[in-house]
N, C-alpha and C. Protein backbone atom coordinates (compact mmCIF):
# COMPACT_ATOMS: atom_id res chain seq x y z
N MET A 1 13.58 -68.39 -52.15
CA MET A 1 12.25 -69.20 -51.17
C MET A 1 12.41 -69.98 -50.47
N ILE A 2 11.44 -69.17 -49.55
CA ILE A 2 11.37 -69.65 -47.89
C ILE A 2 11.33 -71.09 -47.74
N SER A 3 12.32 -71.80 -46.79
CA SER A 3 12.38 -73.46 -47.25
C SER A 3 11.08 -74.02 -46.59
N ASP A 4 10.69 -72.88 -45.52
CA ASP A 4 8.78 -73.42 -44.64
C ASP A 4 7.91 -72.57 -44.92
N ARG A 5 7.06 -73.10 -45.92
CA ARG A 5 5.89 -72.09 -46.41
C ARG A 5 5.20 -71.08 -45.03
N CYS A 6 4.72 -70.21 -45.69
CA CYS A 6 4.12 -69.43 -44.23
C CYS A 6 2.33 -70.17 -44.62
N ALA A 7 1.95 -69.70 -43.35
CA ALA A 7 0.64 -70.21 -43.56
C ALA A 7 -0.51 -70.15 -44.37
N ALA A 8 -0.11 -68.71 -44.81
CA ALA A 8 -0.94 -68.31 -46.22
C ALA A 8 -1.16 -68.95 -47.15
N CYS A 9 0.43 -69.30 -47.28
CA CYS A 9 0.94 -70.18 -48.63
C CYS A 9 0.21 -71.67 -48.05
N LYS A 10 0.65 -72.21 -47.24
CA LYS A 10 -0.16 -73.83 -47.01
C LYS A 10 -1.54 -73.82 -46.84
N TYR A 11 -2.39 -72.43 -46.72
CA TYR A 11 -3.68 -73.28 -46.54
C TYR A 11 -3.92 -72.30 -48.00
N LEU A 12 -3.29 -71.46 -49.15
CA LEU A 12 -3.75 -71.78 -50.08
C LEU A 12 -3.31 -72.69 -51.10
N ARG A 13 -2.13 -73.39 -50.30
CA ARG A 13 -1.49 -74.43 -51.52
C ARG A 13 -0.97 -73.80 -52.42
N ARG A 14 -0.20 -73.31 -51.97
CA ARG A 14 1.15 -72.49 -53.12
C ARG A 14 2.23 -72.35 -52.83
N ARG A 15 2.82 -71.82 -53.68
CA ARG A 15 4.90 -71.92 -53.61
C ARG A 15 4.57 -69.89 -52.48
N CYS A 16 6.12 -69.96 -51.66
CA CYS A 16 5.82 -69.38 -50.82
C CYS A 16 7.02 -68.61 -51.23
N PRO A 17 6.88 -67.16 -52.24
CA PRO A 17 7.87 -66.76 -52.48
C PRO A 17 8.43 -66.16 -51.74
N SER A 18 9.94 -65.83 -52.17
CA SER A 18 10.65 -64.53 -50.71
C SER A 18 10.23 -63.69 -50.47
N ASP A 19 9.61 -63.07 -51.02
CA ASP A 19 8.62 -61.85 -51.28
C ASP A 19 7.42 -61.67 -50.94
N CYS A 20 7.23 -63.29 -49.91
CA CYS A 20 5.38 -63.09 -49.74
C CYS A 20 5.20 -62.15 -49.14
N ILE A 21 3.92 -61.87 -49.26
CA ILE A 21 3.64 -60.45 -47.98
C ILE A 21 2.83 -61.04 -47.15
N PHE A 22 2.27 -62.34 -46.95
CA PHE A 22 1.97 -63.18 -45.80
C PHE A 22 3.13 -63.54 -45.03
N SER A 23 4.26 -63.55 -45.10
CA SER A 23 4.92 -64.78 -44.53
C SER A 23 5.35 -63.85 -43.19
N SER A 24 5.54 -62.63 -42.86
CA SER A 24 6.02 -62.14 -42.00
C SER A 24 4.97 -61.90 -40.58
N TYR A 25 3.64 -62.28 -40.93
CA TYR A 25 2.67 -61.80 -40.35
C TYR A 25 1.51 -63.24 -40.14
N PHE A 26 2.06 -64.29 -40.58
CA PHE A 26 1.00 -65.62 -40.53
C PHE A 26 2.06 -66.35 -40.39
N PRO A 27 2.99 -67.31 -39.47
CA PRO A 27 3.84 -67.83 -39.35
C PRO A 27 3.33 -69.49 -39.74
N PRO A 28 3.72 -70.32 -40.09
CA PRO A 28 3.82 -71.74 -40.60
C PRO A 28 3.74 -72.29 -39.10
N ASN A 29 3.57 -72.39 -37.87
CA ASN A 29 3.00 -72.50 -36.86
C ASN A 29 1.60 -72.79 -36.13
N ASN A 30 0.83 -71.56 -37.08
CA ASN A 30 -0.16 -70.92 -36.65
C ASN A 30 -1.04 -70.78 -37.73
N PRO A 31 -1.38 -72.06 -38.63
CA PRO A 31 -2.17 -71.52 -40.05
C PRO A 31 -3.50 -71.49 -39.24
N GLN A 32 -4.38 -71.52 -38.83
CA GLN A 32 -5.56 -71.10 -37.77
C GLN A 32 -5.48 -69.45 -37.69
N ARG A 33 -4.92 -69.02 -37.49
CA ARG A 33 -4.78 -67.31 -37.46
C ARG A 33 -5.07 -66.83 -39.39
N PHE A 34 -4.42 -67.66 -39.78
CA PHE A 34 -4.48 -66.91 -41.45
C PHE A 34 -6.00 -67.50 -41.98
N ALA A 35 -6.43 -68.82 -41.45
CA ALA A 35 -7.58 -69.33 -41.81
C ALA A 35 -8.59 -68.35 -41.60
N SER A 36 -8.91 -68.13 -40.33
CA SER A 36 -9.57 -67.06 -39.95
C SER A 36 -10.05 -65.95 -40.79
N VAL A 37 -9.13 -65.41 -41.22
CA VAL A 37 -8.58 -63.76 -42.19
C VAL A 37 -9.35 -64.44 -43.12
N HIS A 38 -8.72 -64.79 -43.81
CA HIS A 38 -8.79 -65.45 -45.04
C HIS A 38 -10.26 -65.42 -45.12
N ARG A 39 -11.26 -66.48 -44.29
CA ARG A 39 -12.73 -66.85 -44.45
C ARG A 39 -13.53 -65.63 -44.31
N ILE A 40 -13.29 -64.03 -43.60
CA ILE A 40 -13.70 -63.06 -43.18
C ILE A 40 -12.93 -62.14 -44.60
N TYR A 41 -12.46 -62.04 -44.67
CA TYR A 41 -11.70 -60.65 -45.82
C TYR A 41 -11.41 -61.41 -47.09
N GLY A 42 -10.78 -62.70 -46.45
CA GLY A 42 -9.89 -63.41 -48.48
C GLY A 42 -8.67 -62.73 -48.22
N ALA A 43 -8.10 -63.45 -49.27
CA ALA A 43 -6.66 -63.44 -49.29
C ALA A 43 -6.25 -62.09 -50.06
N SER A 44 -7.36 -61.93 -51.27
CA SER A 44 -6.80 -61.15 -52.12
C SER A 44 -6.82 -59.68 -51.30
N ASN A 45 -7.76 -59.64 -50.84
CA ASN A 45 -8.37 -58.11 -49.94
C ASN A 45 -7.35 -58.23 -49.08
N VAL A 46 -6.42 -58.99 -48.21
CA VAL A 46 -5.63 -58.87 -47.33
C VAL A 46 -4.71 -57.89 -47.96
N SER A 47 -4.43 -59.27 -48.88
CA SER A 47 -2.75 -59.06 -49.55
C SER A 47 -2.78 -57.45 -49.75
N LYS A 48 -4.23 -56.91 -50.92
CA LYS A 48 -4.18 -54.92 -51.11
C LYS A 48 -3.78 -54.59 -49.82
N MET A 49 -4.75 -54.49 -48.73
CA MET A 49 -4.39 -54.07 -47.79
C MET A 49 -3.05 -53.94 -46.85
N LEU A 50 -2.33 -54.92 -47.13
CA LEU A 50 -1.08 -54.77 -46.49
C LEU A 50 -0.09 -54.00 -47.05
N GLN A 51 -0.37 -54.32 -48.84
CA GLN A 51 -0.19 -54.00 -49.53
C GLN A 51 0.18 -52.12 -49.77
N VAL A 52 -0.87 -51.37 -49.69
CA VAL A 52 -1.26 -50.32 -49.41
C VAL A 52 -0.36 -49.68 -47.75
N LEU A 53 -0.60 -50.20 -46.71
CA LEU A 53 0.43 -49.39 -45.11
C LEU A 53 1.89 -50.35 -45.99
N PRO A 54 1.99 -48.55 -44.87
CA PRO A 54 3.81 -48.65 -44.75
C PRO A 54 4.08 -49.99 -43.98
N ASP A 55 5.40 -50.01 -43.78
CA ASP A 55 5.71 -51.15 -43.31
C ASP A 55 5.33 -51.30 -41.70
N HIS A 56 5.85 -50.32 -41.26
CA HIS A 56 5.72 -50.06 -39.63
C HIS A 56 4.23 -50.08 -39.96
N LEU A 57 3.31 -50.39 -39.89
CA LEU A 57 1.97 -50.29 -39.98
C LEU A 57 1.65 -51.77 -40.04
N ARG A 58 2.19 -51.83 -40.83
CA ARG A 58 1.53 -53.82 -40.61
C ARG A 58 1.19 -54.83 -40.19
N ALA A 59 2.26 -54.68 -39.30
CA ALA A 59 1.59 -55.88 -38.20
C ALA A 59 0.76 -55.45 -37.15
N LYS A 60 1.10 -54.34 -37.23
CA LYS A 60 -0.69 -53.96 -36.38
C LYS A 60 -1.95 -54.40 -37.06
N ALA A 61 -1.97 -54.03 -38.29
CA ALA A 61 -2.66 -54.21 -39.21
C ALA A 61 -3.58 -55.84 -38.99
N VAL A 62 -2.42 -56.66 -39.17
CA VAL A 62 -3.07 -58.16 -39.25
C VAL A 62 -3.33 -58.50 -37.43
N GLU A 63 -2.49 -57.91 -36.91
CA GLU A 63 -3.12 -57.86 -35.13
C GLU A 63 -4.81 -57.95 -35.30
N ILE A 64 -4.75 -56.78 -35.72
CA ILE A 64 -6.46 -55.41 -35.93
C ILE A 64 -7.57 -56.62 -36.36
N LEU A 65 -6.75 -57.32 -37.75
CA LEU A 65 -7.30 -57.91 -38.32
C LEU A 65 -7.97 -59.54 -38.46
N CYS A 66 -7.13 -60.46 -37.21
CA CYS A 66 -7.24 -61.32 -36.55
C CYS A 66 -7.49 -61.26 -35.55
N TYR A 67 -8.21 -60.48 -35.17
CA TYR A 67 -9.06 -59.99 -33.66
C TYR A 67 -10.40 -59.68 -34.12
N GLU A 68 -10.43 -58.98 -35.27
CA GLU A 68 -12.06 -58.21 -35.55
C GLU A 68 -12.66 -60.12 -37.12
N ALA A 69 -11.58 -60.67 -37.57
CA ALA A 69 -11.95 -62.05 -37.89
C ALA A 69 -12.51 -62.88 -36.72
N LYS A 70 -11.84 -63.15 -35.94
CA LYS A 70 -12.40 -64.30 -34.96
C LYS A 70 -13.35 -63.48 -34.03
N CYS A 71 -13.69 -61.98 -33.74
CA CYS A 71 -15.06 -61.80 -33.26
C CYS A 71 -16.12 -61.91 -34.56
N ARG A 72 -16.24 -61.44 -35.18
CA ARG A 72 -16.93 -62.04 -36.10
C ARG A 72 -17.06 -63.79 -36.67
N ILE A 73 -16.32 -64.69 -36.76
CA ILE A 73 -16.67 -65.74 -36.27
C ILE A 73 -16.97 -66.08 -35.20
N GLN A 74 -17.29 -65.75 -33.78
CA GLN A 74 -17.68 -66.05 -32.68
C GLN A 74 -19.31 -65.66 -33.13
N ASP A 75 -19.78 -63.94 -33.31
CA ASP A 75 -20.50 -63.42 -33.48
C ASP A 75 -20.94 -62.98 -34.92
N SER A 76 -21.77 -63.47 -35.78
CA SER A 76 -21.32 -63.04 -36.91
C SER A 76 -22.12 -61.83 -37.41
N VAL A 77 -23.32 -61.21 -36.50
CA VAL A 77 -24.47 -60.24 -36.09
C VAL A 77 -23.21 -58.48 -35.96
N TYR A 78 -22.76 -59.53 -34.84
CA TYR A 78 -22.34 -58.12 -34.47
C TYR A 78 -20.70 -58.09 -34.06
N GLY A 79 -19.84 -59.21 -34.58
CA GLY A 79 -18.33 -59.25 -34.09
C GLY A 79 -17.86 -58.63 -33.40
N CYS A 80 -16.91 -57.66 -33.31
CA CYS A 80 -16.30 -57.04 -32.13
C CYS A 80 -16.79 -55.50 -32.03
N VAL A 81 -17.99 -55.05 -32.21
CA VAL A 81 -18.86 -54.28 -32.02
C VAL A 81 -19.47 -54.53 -30.40
N LYS A 82 -19.88 -55.84 -30.84
CA LYS A 82 -20.29 -55.93 -29.24
C LYS A 82 -19.63 -56.12 -28.03
N THR A 83 -18.07 -56.13 -28.05
CA THR A 83 -17.28 -56.12 -27.02
C THR A 83 -16.85 -54.70 -27.05
N ILE A 84 -17.49 -53.48 -27.89
CA ILE A 84 -17.20 -52.24 -27.93
C ILE A 84 -18.01 -52.05 -26.85
N PHE A 85 -19.20 -52.52 -26.86
CA PHE A 85 -20.44 -51.74 -26.35
C PHE A 85 -20.44 -52.14 -25.12
N GLN A 86 -20.04 -53.26 -24.90
CA GLN A 86 -20.24 -54.12 -23.81
C GLN A 86 -19.10 -52.89 -23.11
N LEU A 87 -17.74 -52.67 -23.40
CA LEU A 87 -16.85 -51.78 -22.57
C LEU A 87 -16.98 -50.42 -22.44
N HIS A 88 -18.41 -49.96 -23.44
CA HIS A 88 -18.87 -48.84 -23.14
C HIS A 88 -19.97 -48.85 -22.25
N GLN A 89 -20.29 -49.92 -22.09
CA GLN A 89 -21.09 -49.80 -20.83
C GLN A 89 -20.65 -49.49 -19.51
N GLU A 90 -19.40 -50.55 -19.32
CA GLU A 90 -18.46 -50.70 -18.27
C GLU A 90 -17.80 -49.42 -17.94
N ILE A 91 -17.73 -48.08 -18.88
CA ILE A 91 -16.68 -47.49 -18.19
C ILE A 91 -18.64 -45.89 -18.01
N HIS A 92 -19.61 -46.47 -18.62
CA HIS A 92 -20.79 -45.57 -18.46
C HIS A 92 -20.80 -46.40 -16.90
N ASN A 93 -21.18 -47.32 -16.75
CA ASN A 93 -21.71 -47.74 -14.94
C ASN A 93 -20.41 -47.23 -14.78
N ALA A 94 -19.36 -46.93 -14.30
CA ALA A 94 -18.26 -46.74 -13.40
C ALA A 94 -17.97 -45.32 -13.02
N LYS A 95 -18.68 -44.51 -14.25
CA LYS A 95 -19.48 -43.06 -14.09
C LYS A 95 -19.94 -42.84 -13.50
N CYS A 96 -21.21 -43.86 -13.42
CA CYS A 96 -22.17 -43.32 -12.37
C CYS A 96 -21.85 -43.62 -11.06
N GLN A 97 -21.71 -44.56 -11.23
CA GLN A 97 -21.48 -45.24 -9.46
C GLN A 97 -20.62 -44.23 -9.10
N LEU A 98 -19.37 -43.27 -9.68
CA LEU A 98 -17.96 -42.33 -9.23
C LEU A 98 -19.02 -40.98 -8.86
N ALA A 99 -20.37 -40.45 -9.75
CA ALA A 99 -20.71 -39.88 -9.23
C ALA A 99 -22.03 -40.04 -7.80
N LYS A 100 -22.52 -41.06 -7.90
CA LYS A 100 -23.21 -41.37 -6.92
C LYS A 100 -22.61 -41.44 -5.60
N THR A 101 -21.24 -41.89 -5.83
CA THR A 101 -20.50 -41.44 -4.77
C THR A 101 -20.19 -40.17 -4.20
N ARG A 102 -20.16 -39.81 -5.12
CA ARG A 102 -18.99 -37.96 -5.14
C ARG A 102 -20.70 -37.29 -3.96
N VAL A 103 -21.95 -37.49 -4.72
CA VAL A 103 -22.96 -37.01 -4.33
C VAL A 103 -23.23 -37.58 -3.01
N GLU A 104 -23.37 -38.56 -2.22
CA GLU A 104 -23.04 -39.59 -1.08
C GLU A 104 -21.89 -38.37 -0.19
N ILE A 105 -20.68 -38.37 -0.42
CA ILE A 105 -19.51 -37.52 0.04
C ILE A 105 -19.96 -36.12 0.15
N ALA A 106 -20.54 -35.63 -0.56
CA ALA A 106 -21.46 -34.09 -0.32
C ALA A 106 -22.35 -34.01 0.60
N LEU A 107 -22.80 -34.92 0.98
CA LEU A 107 -24.06 -34.81 1.70
C LEU A 107 -23.74 -35.56 2.98
N THR A 108 -22.80 -36.58 3.25
CA THR A 108 -22.11 -36.74 4.48
C THR A 108 -21.59 -35.58 4.68
N ASN A 109 -20.41 -34.92 4.41
CA ASN A 109 -20.52 -33.37 4.53
C ASN A 109 -20.79 -32.39 5.34
N SER A 110 -22.24 -32.02 4.05
CA SER A 110 -23.18 -31.52 4.60
C SER A 110 -23.83 -31.38 5.82
N ARG A 111 -23.86 -33.38 6.19
CA ARG A 111 -24.93 -33.14 7.31
C ARG A 111 -23.59 -33.06 8.40
N ARG A 112 -22.47 -33.29 8.34
CA ARG A 112 -21.64 -32.60 9.63
C ARG A 112 -21.97 -31.33 9.70
N GLY A 113 -22.13 -30.39 8.96
CA GLY A 113 -22.42 -29.17 9.52
C GLY A 113 -21.04 -28.09 9.64
N GLY A 114 -20.57 -28.87 8.71
CA GLY A 114 -18.87 -28.10 8.99
C GLY A 114 -18.77 -26.53 7.86
N GLY A 115 -18.11 -25.77 8.35
CA GLY A 115 -18.33 -24.38 7.79
C GLY A 115 -19.40 -23.19 7.97
N GLY A 116 -19.76 -22.65 7.28
CA GLY A 116 -20.63 -21.71 7.59
C GLY A 116 -21.50 -21.94 5.97
N GLN A 117 -22.24 -21.00 5.90
CA GLN A 117 -23.28 -20.99 4.96
C GLN A 117 -22.15 -20.63 3.19
N GLU A 118 -21.10 -20.33 3.32
CA GLU A 118 -19.96 -20.56 2.40
C GLU A 118 -20.03 -21.73 2.01
N ASN A 119 -19.57 -22.78 2.98
CA ASN A 119 -19.56 -24.05 2.73
C ASN A 119 -20.39 -24.73 2.36
N GLN A 120 -21.80 -24.41 2.54
CA GLN A 120 -22.77 -25.57 2.19
C GLN A 120 -23.53 -25.18 0.49
N VAL A 121 -22.92 -23.73 0.36
CA VAL A 121 -23.26 -23.05 -0.82
C VAL A 121 -22.36 -24.12 -2.06
N ASN A 122 -20.88 -24.03 -1.53
CA ASN A 122 -19.87 -25.10 -2.14
C ASN A 122 -20.42 -26.37 -2.43
N GLN A 123 -20.75 -26.92 -1.45
CA GLN A 123 -20.99 -28.39 -1.16
C GLN A 123 -22.45 -28.61 -2.30
N MET A 124 -23.45 -27.84 -1.87
CA MET A 124 -24.78 -27.94 -2.97
C MET A 124 -23.67 -27.69 -4.60
N GLN A 125 -23.30 -27.02 -4.76
CA GLN A 125 -22.90 -26.57 -5.68
C GLN A 125 -22.33 -27.69 -6.30
N GLU A 126 -21.38 -28.76 -5.80
CA GLU A 126 -21.28 -29.84 -5.99
C GLU A 126 -22.04 -30.71 -6.24
N VAL A 127 -22.61 -31.32 -5.76
CA VAL A 127 -23.90 -32.27 -5.00
C VAL A 127 -24.94 -31.78 -7.00
N GLN A 128 -24.77 -30.70 -7.28
CA GLN A 128 -25.82 -30.08 -8.26
C GLN A 128 -24.72 -30.65 -9.73
N SER A 129 -23.63 -30.38 -9.59
CA SER A 129 -22.91 -30.46 -10.79
C SER A 129 -22.77 -32.44 -10.71
N ASN A 130 -22.31 -33.02 -9.53
CA ASN A 130 -22.58 -34.66 -9.38
C ASN A 130 -23.75 -34.73 -10.65
N LEU A 131 -25.10 -34.20 -9.90
CA LEU A 131 -25.98 -34.68 -10.33
C LEU A 131 -26.37 -34.47 -11.66
N ASN A 132 -25.87 -33.28 -11.99
CA ASN A 132 -25.80 -32.85 -13.99
C ASN A 132 -25.05 -34.08 -14.77
N PHE A 133 -24.47 -34.89 -14.28
CA PHE A 133 -23.17 -35.99 -14.78
C PHE A 133 -24.53 -36.57 -15.78
N PHE A 134 -25.33 -36.94 -14.74
CA PHE A 134 -26.50 -37.87 -16.01
C PHE A 134 -27.17 -36.58 -17.30
N PRO A 135 -26.56 -37.70 -18.48
CA PRO A 135 -27.23 -36.74 -19.53
C PRO A 135 -28.25 -37.27 -19.79
N ASP A 136 -29.37 -36.15 -20.76
CA ASP A 136 -30.33 -36.66 -20.98
C ASP A 136 -30.74 -37.23 -22.24
N GLN A 137 -30.38 -38.43 -22.48
CA GLN A 137 -30.48 -39.25 -23.80
C GLN A 137 -31.35 -40.36 -24.28
N THR A 138 -31.66 -40.15 -24.98
CA THR A 138 -32.89 -41.52 -25.30
C THR A 138 -32.19 -42.16 -25.71
N HIS A 139 -32.66 -43.76 -25.52
CA HIS A 139 -32.06 -44.40 -25.35
C HIS A 139 -32.37 -46.10 -25.91
N VAL A 140 -32.06 -46.71 -26.61
CA VAL A 140 -33.25 -47.72 -26.64
C VAL A 140 -32.61 -48.98 -26.26
N GLU A 141 -33.62 -49.70 -25.94
CA GLU A 141 -32.94 -51.37 -25.49
C GLU A 141 -32.00 -52.33 -26.10
N ALA A 142 -31.33 -52.40 -25.48
CA ALA A 142 -29.95 -53.67 -25.95
C ALA A 142 -30.19 -54.77 -26.16
N THR A 143 -31.31 -55.06 -26.24
CA THR A 143 -31.99 -56.44 -25.69
C THR A 143 -31.15 -57.51 -26.84
N GLN A 144 -30.59 -57.11 -27.99
CA GLN A 144 -29.95 -58.08 -28.52
C GLN A 144 -28.57 -58.50 -28.45
N PHE A 145 -27.90 -57.89 -27.39
CA PHE A 145 -26.70 -58.05 -26.83
C PHE A 145 -26.85 -59.42 -25.51
N GLY A 146 -28.10 -59.52 -25.46
CA GLY A 146 -28.44 -60.22 -23.72
C GLY A 146 -28.23 -59.32 -22.71
N SER A 147 -28.88 -57.99 -23.07
CA SER A 147 -28.96 -57.84 -21.79
C SER A 147 -29.65 -56.71 -21.64
N SER A 148 -30.21 -56.22 -20.23
CA SER A 148 -30.94 -54.86 -20.52
C SER A 148 -30.40 -53.32 -20.67
N SER A 149 -28.73 -53.48 -21.23
CA SER A 149 -28.38 -52.26 -20.76
C SER A 149 -29.39 -51.60 -21.92
N LYS A 150 -28.43 -50.47 -22.00
CA LYS A 150 -29.31 -49.33 -23.07
C LYS A 150 -28.24 -48.89 -23.88
N ALA A 151 -28.23 -48.68 -25.44
CA ALA A 151 -26.95 -48.32 -26.05
C ALA A 151 -27.45 -46.69 -26.65
N PRO A 152 -27.18 -45.86 -26.28
CA PRO A 152 -27.25 -44.85 -27.00
C PRO A 152 -27.06 -44.45 -28.17
N TRP A 153 -26.26 -45.54 -28.95
CA TRP A 153 -26.01 -45.44 -30.85
C TRP A 153 -26.96 -45.92 -31.29
N PHE A 154 -28.11 -46.58 -30.50
CA PHE A 154 -29.35 -47.27 -31.15
C PHE A 154 -29.79 -46.59 -31.56
N SER A 155 -30.24 -45.29 -31.34
CA SER A 155 -31.52 -44.31 -30.98
C SER A 155 -31.70 -43.98 -32.57
């Protein structure tokens, strides 16, 4: 028997056995970590999930469960999907900015008149490929995320 019970056993008010599946992942000095996971998933479900996983994957699974539980407590409707959506939007905005910058560079180079007709054809092809970057997708406003951004997967 472990002299100091893990956070899970303390929270559940039970004795912590020597083979407690929670003791490695929920130390006694951080009880809120288990409390949030238990609130969202339940101790029994977390125990079942950890038992079916190989030992080397359990720590990562607990980290993910803790993060998802924290997000779900902060935003009960969207949870971590809100963060994923925001990151996708940042990537999309960065790609759009990159494409616009490439178009501006190509136009600036074409105005300088460098090269002959072959160089201008290459530059126009580059501009066209940058303009083709913007996909024709139907978007639905994602006002539920507090912005006027568009979410392609909500269509």
